[in-house]
Amino acid sequence: MDASNYWIWWIVGSVLSLVLIAYLLLEYIAWLERTQVVAVPAGLRFVARALQVEMQRGKKRVIVQAQRGHYNQQARNGVPALEKTGALTATFEAQGLRFSSTPEMNPGTGKDAPHPSGLYTLAFNSTEDQSSLRIERVPSAVAADFEHFSQQVVLWIERLEARKAEQDQAAAAAAAAAAATAAAASQQSNPSVELTADAQVAAWRKRAGFSGTSSEIGLDDKGRVSWFVDLDPTGRITLHSNSRTVHTTLQGAEFISLGGELEVAVRDEFWSEEHHTLARFRILKGRSPDERRAWKERLELLRNQLEAQSHARHATH
């Protein structure tokens, strides 16, 4: 083989090697971004290289497996707070579970503005479990496929929540009607007798037309209701403090942590675009800082969801 043929074969071999390397690189990238949705008994499972999300209709829960994630659960009902990082499995009750996908940004250099990195952070937030999971550095293609899958899960969760709200409302209405009837009969026979705390709550729930799935009550030294909060997963809320009661929603609400209390400011029947003063209620006196913090985060999450839904409706008109 003369020198000219040697160089020709060397160039051809080099080109073929580069082509092979490029092909293998593209295949590796495709493998990293490959996803699928498979049917499982009574549910669906989203599968990616470092992530699995399973919707279990029968048990009404969602299970997330991640090779790297950050899980946080607030302290509640005597159970201490929990925090985990790394490879983990998290189980969420379906009701109250929300998803979000946020692009990660690379910091700009000099005068350059931050720009998208091509990676996303997936977040799972549960108001029922008071827990959250963040999965970072998810490729954009995987995040996009998961968003399509999550839309099916969200529709299922919304149906569950609507059905539960109807059941709770019917049960609350029946209980409130019975309690209100009994209280009215008691007061009619003895007008000087004040309503018990349970009867007062039942009367408020009957007037509001809903019974919250999360509620707290504070009593004074005579057993009368000092403050009360009753929260529905749709963002409806009943508040009572300082001898005043309101039935409203969390849209436009504000929350301020005070010394030993949480102040909730909401729109009452006097609120309007021209007169936008919020009615303020102080609740959770005597509760632990962890409980107040968990309530504040839950209220903020529902408030943000209501405002996002309102903006989406306005955008379509």
C-alpha atoms as a PDB file:
ATOM      1  CA  MET A   1       0.000   0.000   0.000  1.00  0.00           C
ATOM      2  CA  ASP A   2       1.539   3.316  -1.059  1.00  0.00           C
ATOM      3  CA  ALA A   3       1.417   6.433   1.110  1.00  0.00           C
ATOM      4  CA  SER A   4      -1.482   8.054  -0.797  1.00  0.00           C
ATOM      5  CA  ASN A   5      -3.754   5.019  -0.267  1.00  0.00           C
ATOM      6  CA  TYR A   6      -2.800   4.902   3.395  1.00  0.00           C
ATOM      7  CA  TRP A   7      -3.906   8.500   3.961  1.00  0.00           C
ATOM      8  CA  ILE A   8      -7.155   7.914   2.066  1.00  0.00           C
ATOM      9  CA  TRP A   9      -8.021   4.933   4.257  1.00  0.00           C
ATOM     10  CA  TRP A  10      -6.996   6.828   7.365  1.00  0.00           C
ATOM     11  CA  ILE A  11      -9.324   9.740   6.474  1.00  0.00           C
ATOM     12  CA  VAL A  12     -12.205   7.374   5.638  1.00  0.00           C
ATOM     13  CA  GLY A  13     -11.687   5.546   8.936  1.00  0.00           C
ATOM     14  CA  SER A  14     -11.601   8.811  10.872  1.00  0.00           C
ATOM     15  CA  VAL A  15     -14.818  10.031   9.217  1.00  0.00           C
ATOM     16  CA  LEU A  16     -16.577   6.739   9.933  1.00  0.00           C
ATOM     17  CA  SER A  17     -15.419   6.887  13.563  1.00  0.00           C
ATOM     18  CA  LEU A  18     -16.788  10.411  13.952  1.00  0.00           C
ATOM     19  CA  VAL A  19     -20.098   9.360  12.392  1.00  0.00           C
ATOM     20  CA  LEU A  20     -20.302   6.399  14.759  1.00  0.00           C
ATOM     21  CA  ILE A  21     -19.527   8.587  17.781  1.00  0.00           C
ATOM     22  CA  ALA A  22     -22.171  11.118  16.718  1.00  0.00           C
ATOM     23  CA  TYR A  23     -24.723   8.335  16.234  1.00  0.00           C
ATOM     24  CA  LEU A  24     -23.976   6.845  19.641  1.00  0.00           C
ATOM     25  CA  LEU A  25     -24.217  10.304  21.234  1.00  0.00           C
ATOM     26  CA  LEU A  26     -27.616  10.935  19.657  1.00  0.00           C
ATOM     27  CA  GLU A  27     -28.791   7.497  20.771  1.00  0.00           C
ATOM     28  CA  TYR A  28     -27.628   8.242  24.331  1.00  0.00           C
ATOM     29  CA  ILE A  29     -29.475  11.568  24.361  1.00  0.00           C
ATOM     30  CA  ALA A  30     -32.598   9.877  23.007  1.00  0.00           C
ATOM     31  CA  TRP A  31     -32.275   7.225  25.721  1.00  0.00           C
ATOM     32  CA  LEU A  32     -32.042   9.920  28.388  1.00  0.00           C
ATOM     33  CA  GLU A  33     -35.231  11.583  27.086  1.00  0.00           C
ATOM     34  CA  ARG A  34     -37.229   8.444  26.278  1.00  0.00           C
ATOM     35  CA  THR A  35     -40.553   8.182  28.147  1.00  0.00           C
ATOM     36  CA  GLN A  36     -43.632   5.998  28.034  1.00  0.00           C
ATOM     37  CA  VAL A  37     -47.034   5.723  29.670  1.00  0.00           C
ATOM     38  CA  VAL A  38     -48.090   2.182  30.545  1.00  0.00           C
ATOM     39  CA  ALA A  39     -51.346   0.844  31.900  1.00  0.00           C
ATOM     40  CA  VAL A  40     -51.220  -0.778  35.337  1.00  0.00           C
ATOM     41  CA  PRO A  41     -54.076  -2.377  37.294  1.00  0.00           C
ATOM     42  CA  ALA A  42     -56.579   0.434  38.053  1.00  0.00           C
ATOM     43  CA  GLY A  43     -54.195   3.163  36.935  1.00  0.00           C
ATOM     44  CA  LEU A  44     -51.459   4.576  34.716  1.00  0.00           C
ATOM     45  CA  ARG A  45     -47.697   4.861  35.093  1.00  0.00           C
ATOM     46  CA  PHE A  46     -45.388   7.458  33.552  1.00  0.00           C
ATOM     47  CA  VAL A  47     -41.893   6.045  33.078  1.00  0.00           C
ATOM     48  CA  ALA A  48     -38.692   7.970  32.336  1.00  0.00           C
ATOM     49  CA  ARG A  49     -35.058   7.074  32.951  1.00  0.00           C
ATOM     50  CA  ALA A  50     -34.853   8.650  36.445  1.00  0.00           C
ATOM     51  CA  LEU A  51     -38.538   9.123  37.230  1.00  0.00           C
ATOM     52  CA  GLN A  52     -41.723   7.089  37.620  1.00  0.00           C
ATOM     53  CA  VAL A  53     -45.155   8.498  38.528  1.00  0.00           C
ATOM     54  CA  GLU A  54     -48.022   6.088  39.104  1.00  0.00           C
ATOM     55  CA  MET A  55     -51.695   7.034  39.384  1.00  0.00           C
ATOM     56  CA  GLN A  56     -53.635   4.487  41.456  1.00  0.00           C
ATOM     57  CA  ARG A  57     -57.356   4.999  40.964  1.00  0.00           C
ATOM     58  CA  GLY A  58     -58.446   2.299  43.410  1.00  0.00           C
ATOM     59  CA  LYS A  59     -56.397   3.609  46.334  1.00  0.00           C
ATOM     60  CA  LYS A  60     -56.867   7.257  45.270  1.00  0.00           C
ATOM     61  CA  ARG A  61     -53.199   8.066  45.521  1.00  0.00           C
ATOM     62  CA  VAL A  62     -50.142   8.975  43.426  1.00  0.00           C
ATOM     63  CA  ILE A  63     -46.732   7.355  43.946  1.00  0.00           C
ATOM     64  CA  VAL A  64     -43.549   9.052  42.723  1.00  0.00           C
ATOM     65  CA  GLN A  65     -40.174   7.328  42.423  1.00  0.00           C
ATOM     66  CA  ALA A  66     -37.154   9.510  41.656  1.00  0.00           C
ATOM     67  CA  GLN A  67     -33.433   8.800  41.469  1.00  0.00           C
ATOM     68  CA  ARG A  68     -32.805  12.275  42.845  1.00  0.00           C
ATOM     69  CA  GLY A  69     -35.320  14.514  44.560  1.00  0.00           C
ATOM     70  CA  HIS A  70     -36.018  16.608  47.642  1.00  0.00           C
ATOM     71  CA  TYR A  71     -39.020  15.614  49.792  1.00  0.00           C
ATOM     72  CA  ASN A  72     -40.403  17.665  52.671  1.00  0.00           C
ATOM     73  CA  GLN A  73     -43.344  16.982  54.983  1.00  0.00           C
ATOM     74  CA  GLN A  74     -44.556  19.399  57.655  1.00  0.00           C
ATOM     75  CA  ALA A  75     -45.030  18.231  61.236  1.00  0.00           C
ATOM     76  CA  ARG A  76     -48.657  17.376  61.953  1.00  0.00           C
ATOM     77  CA  ASN A  77     -50.806  15.403  64.403  1.00  0.00           C
ATOM     78  CA  GLY A  78     -47.838  14.672  66.623  1.00  0.00           C
ATOM     79  CA  VAL A  79     -45.743  13.312  63.735  1.00  0.00           C
ATOM     80  CA  PRO A  80     -42.401  15.160  63.408  1.00  0.00           C
ATOM     81  CA  ALA A  81     -41.365  16.905  60.207  1.00  0.00           C
ATOM     82  CA  LEU A  82     -39.617  14.778  57.606  1.00  0.00           C
ATOM     83  CA  GLU A  83     -37.064  15.748  54.982  1.00  0.00           C
ATOM     84  CA  LYS A  84     -35.313  13.442  52.487  1.00  0.00           C
ATOM     85  CA  THR A  85     -32.927  14.043  49.587  1.00  0.00           C
ATOM     86  CA  GLY A  86     -31.623  11.653  46.938  1.00  0.00           C
ATOM     87  CA  ALA A  87     -33.205   8.481  45.596  1.00  0.00           C
ATOM     88  CA  LEU A  88     -36.663   8.216  47.145  1.00  0.00           C
ATOM     89  CA  THR A  89     -40.286   7.097  46.842  1.00  0.00           C
ATOM     90  CA  ALA A  90     -43.085   9.468  47.867  1.00  0.00           C
ATOM     91  CA  THR A  91     -46.759   8.613  48.258  1.00  0.00           C
ATOM     92  CA  PHE A  92     -49.395  11.363  48.006  1.00  0.00           C
ATOM     93  CA  GLU A  93     -53.133  11.329  48.595  1.00  0.00           C
ATOM     94  CA  ALA A  94     -54.741  12.257  45.285  1.00  0.00           C
ATOM     95  CA  GLN A  95     -57.020  14.918  46.735  1.00  0.00           C
ATOM     96  CA  GLY A  96     -55.198  18.190  47.218  1.00  0.00           C
ATOM     97  CA  LEU A  97     -52.247  17.173  44.999  1.00  0.00           C
ATOM     98  CA  ARG A  98     -51.012  19.707  42.453  1.00  0.00           C
ATOM     99  CA  PHE A  99     -48.201  19.597  39.861  1.00  0.00           C
ATOM    100  CA  SER A 100     -45.991  22.296  38.380  1.00  0.00           C
ATOM    101  CA  SER A 101     -43.146  22.414  35.858  1.00  0.00           C
ATOM    102  CA  THR A 102     -40.683  25.322  36.006  1.00  0.00           C
ATOM    103  CA  PRO A 103     -37.787  26.000  33.592  1.00  0.00           C
ATOM    104  CA  GLU A 104     -34.361  26.249  35.186  1.00  0.00           C
ATOM    105  CA  MET A 105     -32.297  29.280  34.189  1.00  0.00           C
ATOM    106  CA  ASN A 106     -28.569  29.648  33.629  1.00  0.00           C
ATOM    107  CA  PRO A 107     -27.202  32.843  35.193  1.00  0.00           C
ATOM    108  CA  GLY A 108     -26.101  35.455  32.698  1.00  0.00           C
ATOM    109  CA  THR A 109     -22.518  36.634  32.505  1.00  0.00           C
ATOM    110  CA  GLY A 110     -21.767  40.321  32.616  1.00  0.00           C
ATOM    111  CA  LYS A 111     -24.690  42.212  31.109  1.00  0.00           C
ATOM    112  CA  ASP A 112     -26.260  39.097  29.637  1.00  0.00           C
ATOM    113  CA  ALA A 113     -29.654  38.187  31.073  1.00  0.00           C
ATOM    114  CA  PRO A 114     -30.293  34.700  32.510  1.00  0.00           C
ATOM    115  CA  HIS A 115     -31.325  32.235  29.816  1.00  0.00           C
ATOM    116  CA  PRO A 116     -33.078  28.840  29.822  1.00  0.00           C
ATOM    117  CA  SER A 117     -30.845  25.874  30.547  1.00  0.00           C
ATOM    118  CA  GLY A 118     -33.031  23.326  28.750  1.00  0.00           C
ATOM    119  CA  LEU A 119     -33.765  21.653  32.099  1.00  0.00           C
ATOM    120  CA  TYR A 120     -36.896  21.813  34.268  1.00  0.00           C
ATOM    121  CA  THR A 121     -37.893  21.386  37.908  1.00  0.00           C
ATOM    122  CA  LEU A 122     -40.979  19.251  38.565  1.00  0.00           C
ATOM    123  CA  ALA A 123     -42.868  19.969  41.796  1.00  0.00           C
ATOM    124  CA  PHE A 124     -45.542  17.954  43.590  1.00  0.00           C
ATOM    125  CA  ASN A 125     -47.410  19.835  46.340  1.00  0.00           C
ATOM    126  CA  SER A 126     -50.090  18.305  48.564  1.00  0.00           C
ATOM    127  CA  THR A 127     -52.391  20.372  50.771  1.00  0.00           C
ATOM    128  CA  GLU A 128     -53.849  17.221  52.347  1.00  0.00           C
ATOM    129  CA  ASP A 129     -50.508  15.613  53.258  1.00  0.00           C
ATOM    130  CA  GLN A 130     -48.817  18.991  53.872  1.00  0.00           C
ATOM    131  CA  SER A 131     -45.887  17.675  51.863  1.00  0.00           C
ATOM    132  CA  SER A 132     -43.926  18.531  48.737  1.00  0.00           C
ATOM    133  CA  LEU A 133     -41.444  16.931  46.355  1.00  0.00           C
ATOM    134  CA  ARG A 134     -39.052  18.697  43.976  1.00  0.00           C
ATOM    135  CA  ILE A 135     -37.223  16.923  41.166  1.00  0.00           C
ATOM    136  CA  GLU A 136     -34.594  19.089  39.477  1.00  0.00           C
ATOM    137  CA  ARG A 137     -32.604  18.891  36.241  1.00  0.00           C
ATOM    138  CA  VAL A 138     -35.321  17.132  34.258  1.00  0.00           C
ATOM    139  CA  PRO A 139     -34.710  17.316  30.460  1.00  0.00           C
ATOM    140  CA  SER A 140     -37.220  19.520  28.648  1.00  0.00           C
ATOM    141  CA  ALA A 141     -38.495  16.646  26.500  1.00  0.00           C
ATOM    142  CA  VAL A 142     -39.217  14.553  29.620  1.00  0.00           C
ATOM    143  CA  ALA A 143     -40.885  17.534  31.321  1.00  0.00           C
ATOM    144  CA  ALA A 144     -43.095  18.109  28.269  1.00  0.00           C
ATOM    145  CA  ASP A 145     -44.150  14.449  28.140  1.00  0.00           C
ATOM    146  CA  PHE A 146     -44.862  14.483  31.882  1.00  0.00           C
ATOM    147  CA  GLU A 147     -47.023  17.587  31.495  1.00  0.00           C
ATOM    148  CA  HIS A 148     -49.212  15.729  28.975  1.00  0.00           C
ATOM    149  CA  PHE A 149     -49.476  12.787  31.377  1.00  0.00           C
ATOM    150  CA  SER A 150     -50.209  15.034  34.371  1.00  0.00           C
ATOM    151  CA  GLN A 151     -53.176  16.578  32.570  1.00  0.00           C
ATOM    152  CA  GLN A 152     -54.909  13.188  32.711  1.00  0.00           C
ATOM    153  CA  VAL A 153     -54.049  12.878  36.402  1.00  0.00           C
ATOM    154  CA  VAL A 154     -55.318  16.406  37.137  1.00  0.00           C
ATOM    155  CA  LEU A 155     -58.672  15.647  35.488  1.00  0.00           C
ATOM    156  CA  TRP A 156     -58.978  12.521  37.631  1.00  0.00           C
ATOM    157  CA  ILE A 157     -58.075  14.446  40.809  1.00  0.00           C
ATOM    158  CA  GLU A 158     -60.564  17.206  39.998  1.00  0.00           C
ATOM    159  CA  ARG A 159     -63.335  14.620  39.597  1.00  0.00           C
ATOM    160  CA  LEU A 160     -62.387  13.053  42.946  1.00  0.00           C
ATOM    161  CA  GLU A 161     -62.388  16.430  44.658  1.00  0.00           C
ATOM    162  CA  ALA A 162     -65.704  17.451  43.111  1.00  0.00           C
ATOM    163  CA  ARG A 163     -67.311  14.175  44.192  1.00  0.00           C
ATOM    164  CA  LYS A 164     -65.881  14.502  47.720  1.00  0.00           C
ATOM    165  CA  ALA A 165     -67.004  18.127  47.950  1.00  0.00           C
ATOM    166  CA  GLU A 166     -70.545  17.142  46.954  1.00  0.00           C
ATOM    167  CA  GLN A 167     -70.586  14.359  49.544  1.00  0.00           C
ATOM    168  CA  ASP A 168     -69.179  16.619  52.260  1.00  0.00           C
ATOM    169  CA  GLN A 169     -71.599  19.382  51.364  1.00  0.00           C
ATOM    170  CA  ALA A 170     -74.575  17.031  51.507  1.00  0.00           C
ATOM    171  CA  ALA A 171     -73.432  15.563  54.821  1.00  0.00           C
ATOM    172  CA  ALA A 172     -72.661  19.002  56.250  1.00  0.00           C
ATOM    173  CA  ALA A 173     -75.999  20.371  55.116  1.00  0.00           C
ATOM    174  CA  ALA A 174     -77.818  17.480  56.755  1.00  0.00           C
ATOM    175  CA  ALA A 175     -75.817  17.813  59.972  1.00  0.00           C
ATOM    176  CA  ALA A 176     -76.130  21.586  60.001  1.00  0.00           C
ATOM    177  CA  ALA A 177     -79.885  21.409  59.400  1.00  0.00           C
ATOM    178  CA  ALA A 178     -80.298  18.941  62.259  1.00  0.00           C
ATOM    179  CA  ALA A 179     -78.072  20.976  64.587  1.00  0.00           C
ATOM    180  CA  ALA A 180     -79.722  24.256  63.621  1.00  0.00           C
ATOM    181  CA  THR A 181     -83.178  22.757  64.160  1.00  0.00           C
ATOM    182  CA  ALA A 182     -82.140  21.448  67.569  1.00  0.00           C
ATOM    183  CA  ALA A 183     -80.522  24.758  68.483  1.00  0.00           C
ATOM    184  CA  ALA A 184     -83.568  26.727  67.366  1.00  0.00           C
ATOM    185  CA  ALA A 185     -85.824  24.479  69.409  1.00  0.00           C
ATOM    186  CA  SER A 186     -83.537  24.858  72.418  1.00  0.00           C
ATOM    187  CA  GLN A 187     -83.408  28.636  72.116  1.00  0.00           C
ATOM    188  CA  GLN A 188     -87.156  28.856  71.580  1.00  0.00           C
ATOM    189  CA  SER A 189     -87.796  26.934  74.773  1.00  0.00           C
ATOM    190  CA  ASN A 190     -85.061  28.822  76.631  1.00  0.00           C
ATOM    191  CA  PRO A 191     -83.987  32.065  74.871  1.00  0.00           C
ATOM    192  CA  SER A 192     -81.273  32.785  77.439  1.00  0.00           C
ATOM    193  CA  VAL A 193     -79.308  29.659  76.462  1.00  0.00           C
ATOM    194  CA  GLU A 194     -76.364  30.345  74.103  1.00  0.00           C
ATOM    195  CA  LEU A 195     -75.480  28.000  71.257  1.00  0.00           C
ATOM    196  CA  THR A 196     -72.832  25.415  72.015  1.00  0.00           C
ATOM    197  CA  ALA A 197     -69.642  25.540  69.951  1.00  0.00           C
ATOM    198  CA  ASP A 198     -70.730  22.529  67.870  1.00  0.00           C
ATOM    199  CA  ALA A 199     -74.178  24.025  67.251  1.00  0.00           C
ATOM    200  CA  GLN A 200     -72.627  27.365  66.295  1.00  0.00           C
ATOM    201  CA  VAL A 201     -70.255  25.712  63.813  1.00  0.00           C
ATOM    202  CA  ALA A 202     -73.160  23.734  62.341  1.00  0.00           C
ATOM    203  CA  ALA A 203     -75.151  26.931  61.906  1.00  0.00           C
ATOM    204  CA  TRP A 204     -72.232  28.658  60.164  1.00  0.00           C
ATOM    205  CA  ARG A 205     -71.739  25.708  57.837  1.00  0.00           C
ATOM    206  CA  LYS A 206     -75.428  25.660  56.963  1.00  0.00           C
ATOM    207  CA  ARG A 207     -75.309  29.369  56.168  1.00  0.00           C
ATOM    208  CA  ALA A 208     -72.085  29.010  54.133  1.00  0.00           C
ATOM    209  CA  GLY A 209     -73.394  26.059  52.128  1.00  0.00           C
ATOM    210  CA  PHE A 210     -70.250  23.969  52.570  1.00  0.00           C
ATOM    211  CA  SER A 211     -68.312  22.073  55.211  1.00  0.00           C
ATOM    212  CA  GLY A 212     -64.561  22.450  55.096  1.00  0.00           C
ATOM    213  CA  THR A 213     -62.191  19.484  55.064  1.00  0.00           C
ATOM    214  CA  SER A 214     -59.707  21.433  57.218  1.00  0.00           C
ATOM    215  CA  SER A 215     -60.914  23.368  60.252  1.00  0.00           C
ATOM    216  CA  GLU A 216     -59.694  24.660  63.596  1.00  0.00           C
ATOM    217  CA  ILE A 217     -61.555  26.276  66.495  1.00  0.00           C
ATOM    218  CA  GLY A 218     -60.552  28.240  69.589  1.00  0.00           C
ATOM    219  CA  LEU A 219     -62.775  28.580  72.664  1.00  0.00           C
ATOM    220  CA  ASP A 220     -62.737  31.143  75.453  1.00  0.00           C
ATOM    221  CA  ASP A 221     -62.847  30.272  79.164  1.00  0.00           C
ATOM    222  CA  LYS A 222     -66.654  30.027  78.980  1.00  0.00           C
ATOM    223  CA  GLY A 223     -66.633  27.541  76.108  1.00  0.00           C
ATOM    224  CA  ARG A 224     -67.746  30.080  73.503  1.00  0.00           C
ATOM    225  CA  VAL A 225     -66.170  30.271  70.054  1.00  0.00           C
ATOM    226  CA  SER A 226     -63.339  32.804  70.126  1.00  0.00           C
ATOM    227  CA  TRP A 227     -62.041  32.107  66.610  1.00  0.00           C
ATOM    228  CA  PHE A 228     -62.858  29.603  63.875  1.00  0.00           C
ATOM    229  CA  VAL A 229     -61.574  28.669  60.408  1.00  0.00           C
ATOM    230  CA  ASP A 230     -63.242  26.222  58.006  1.00  0.00           C
ATOM    231  CA  LEU A 231     -61.428  25.637  54.685  1.00  0.00           C
ATOM    232  CA  ASP A 232     -62.752  23.867  51.598  1.00  0.00           C
ATOM    233  CA  PRO A 233     -60.314  22.387  48.984  1.00  0.00           C
ATOM    234  CA  THR A 234     -61.873  24.655  46.328  1.00  0.00           C
ATOM    235  CA  GLY A 235     -60.690  27.764  48.210  1.00  0.00           C
ATOM    236  CA  ARG A 236     -63.948  28.612  49.990  1.00  0.00           C
ATOM    237  CA  ILE A 237     -63.493  29.615  53.626  1.00  0.00           C
ATOM    238  CA  THR A 238     -65.443  30.553  56.745  1.00  0.00           C
ATOM    239  CA  LEU A 239     -63.673  32.792  59.275  1.00  0.00           C
ATOM    240  CA  HIS A 240     -64.730  34.018  62.708  1.00  0.00           C
ATOM    241  CA  SER A 241     -62.910  36.177  65.219  1.00  0.00           C
ATOM    242  CA  ASN A 242     -63.602  39.239  67.326  1.00  0.00           C
ATOM    243  CA  SER A 243     -67.381  38.518  67.201  1.00  0.00           C
ATOM    244  CA  ARG A 244     -67.477  38.707  63.388  1.00  0.00           C
ATOM    245  CA  THR A 245     -68.053  35.935  60.819  1.00  0.00           C
ATOM    246  CA  VAL A 246     -67.562  35.851  57.044  1.00  0.00           C
ATOM    247  CA  HIS A 247     -68.164  33.211  54.349  1.00  0.00           C
ATOM    248  CA  THR A 248     -65.999  33.961  51.294  1.00  0.00           C
ATOM    249  CA  THR A 249     -63.106  32.654  49.158  1.00  0.00           C
ATOM    250  CA  LEU A 250     -59.329  33.043  49.274  1.00  0.00           C
ATOM    251  CA  GLN A 251     -59.122  35.040  46.036  1.00  0.00           C
ATOM    252  CA  GLY A 252     -57.129  38.185  46.766  1.00  0.00           C
ATOM    253  CA  ALA A 253     -56.472  37.089  50.357  1.00  0.00           C
ATOM    254  CA  GLU A 254     -53.440  38.104  52.398  1.00  0.00           C
ATOM    255  CA  PHE A 255     -51.754  36.224  55.257  1.00  0.00           C
ATOM    256  CA  ILE A 256     -49.559  37.670  57.999  1.00  0.00           C
ATOM    257  CA  SER A 257     -47.837  35.744  60.782  1.00  0.00           C
ATOM    258  CA  LEU A 258     -48.228  37.571  64.077  1.00  0.00           C
ATOM    259  CA  GLY A 259     -47.048  36.759  67.562  1.00  0.00           C
ATOM    260  CA  GLY A 260     -48.830  33.502  68.313  1.00  0.00           C
ATOM    261  CA  GLU A 261     -51.574  34.053  65.716  1.00  0.00           C
ATOM    262  CA  LEU A 262     -52.170  34.064  61.960  1.00  0.00           C
ATOM    263  CA  GLU A 263     -53.977  37.047  60.451  1.00  0.00           C
ATOM    264  CA  VAL A 264     -56.086  36.250  57.376  1.00  0.00           C
ATOM    265  CA  ALA A 265     -57.376  39.202  55.325  1.00  0.00           C
ATOM    266  CA  VAL A 266     -60.184  38.390  52.860  1.00  0.00           C
ATOM    267  CA  ARG A 267     -62.778  40.046  50.675  1.00  0.00           C
ATOM    268  CA  ASP A 268     -66.097  40.359  52.509  1.00  0.00           C
ATOM    269  CA  GLU A 269     -69.541  41.445  51.303  1.00  0.00           C
ATOM    270  CA  PHE A 270     -68.480  45.118  51.359  1.00  0.00           C
ATOM    271  CA  TRP A 271     -65.418  44.635  49.116  1.00  0.00           C
ATOM    272  CA  SER A 272     -65.431  46.042  45.563  1.00  0.00           C
ATOM    273  CA  GLU A 273     -62.928  47.276  42.978  1.00  0.00           C
ATOM    274  CA  GLU A 274     -63.567  50.814  44.242  1.00  0.00           C
ATOM    275  CA  HIS A 275     -63.546  49.905  47.943  1.00  0.00           C
ATOM    276  CA  HIS A 276     -60.935  47.168  48.227  1.00  0.00           C
ATOM    277  CA  THR A 277     -60.340  47.128  51.978  1.00  0.00           C
ATOM    278  CA  LEU A 278     -59.950  43.557  53.221  1.00  0.00           C
ATOM    279  CA  ALA A 279     -61.632  42.199  56.345  1.00  0.00           C
ATOM    280  CA  ARG A 280     -59.051  40.873  58.810  1.00  0.00           C
ATOM    281  CA  PHE A 281     -59.431  37.863  61.099  1.00  0.00           C
ATOM    282  CA  ARG A 282     -56.952  36.502  63.636  1.00  0.00           C
ATOM    283  CA  ILE A 283     -56.970  32.733  64.035  1.00  0.00           C
ATOM    284  CA  LEU A 284     -54.898  29.808  65.383  1.00  0.00           C
ATOM    285  CA  LYS A 285     -54.159  31.425  68.745  1.00  0.00           C
ATOM    286  CA  GLY A 286     -52.610  28.810  70.998  1.00  0.00           C
ATOM    287  CA  ARG A 287     -51.515  26.577  68.115  1.00  0.00           C
ATOM    288  CA  SER A 288     -47.866  25.626  67.626  1.00  0.00           C
ATOM    289  CA  PRO A 289     -45.606  27.555  65.199  1.00  0.00           C
ATOM    290  CA  ASP A 290     -45.420  24.462  62.940  1.00  0.00           C
ATOM    291  CA  GLU A 291     -49.230  24.266  62.741  1.00  0.00           C
ATOM    292  CA  ARG A 292     -49.543  27.968  61.959  1.00  0.00           C
ATOM    293  CA  ARG A 293     -46.821  27.700  59.312  1.00  0.00           C
ATOM    294  CA  ALA A 294     -48.529  24.687  57.708  1.00  0.00           C
ATOM    295  CA  TRP A 295     -51.861  26.527  57.640  1.00  0.00           C
ATOM    296  CA  LYS A 296     -50.245  29.606  56.100  1.00  0.00           C
ATOM    297  CA  GLU A 297     -48.617  27.531  53.334  1.00  0.00           C
ATOM    298  CA  ARG A 298     -51.895  25.694  52.647  1.00  0.00           C
ATOM    299  CA  LEU A 299     -53.843  28.970  52.437  1.00  0.00           C
ATOM    300  CA  GLU A 300     -51.231  30.549  50.163  1.00  0.00           C
ATOM    301  CA  LEU A 301     -51.258  27.538  47.842  1.00  0.00           C
ATOM    302  CA  LEU A 302     -55.057  27.584  47.466  1.00  0.00           C
ATOM    303  CA  ARG A 303     -55.051  31.393  47.047  1.00  0.00           C
ATOM    304  CA  ASN A 304     -52.457  31.123  44.274  1.00  0.00           C
ATOM    305  CA  GLN A 305     -54.447  28.378  42.539  1.00  0.00           C
ATOM    306  CA  LEU A 306     -57.607  30.515  42.598  1.00  0.00           C
ATOM    307  CA  GLU A 307     -55.769  33.504  41.149  1.00  0.00           C
ATOM    308  CA  ALA A 308     -54.113  31.368  38.449  1.00  0.00           C
ATOM    309  CA  GLN A 309     -57.545  29.990  37.459  1.00  0.00           C
ATOM    310  CA  SER A 310     -58.960  33.530  37.372  1.00  0.00           C
ATOM    311  CA  HIS A 311     -56.123  34.757  35.133  1.00  0.00           C
ATOM    312  CA  ALA A 312     -56.586  31.753  32.817  1.00  0.00           C
ATOM    313  CA  ARG A 313     -60.309  32.497  32.459  1.00  0.00           C
ATOM    314  CA  HIS A 314     -59.611  36.155  31.661  1.00  0.00           C
ATOM    315  CA  ALA A 315     -56.965  35.155  29.119  1.00  0.00           C
ATOM    316  CA  THR A 316     -59.496  33.062  27.181  1.00  0.00           C
ATOM    317  CA  HIS A 317     -61.999  35.927  26.880  1.00  0.00           C
END
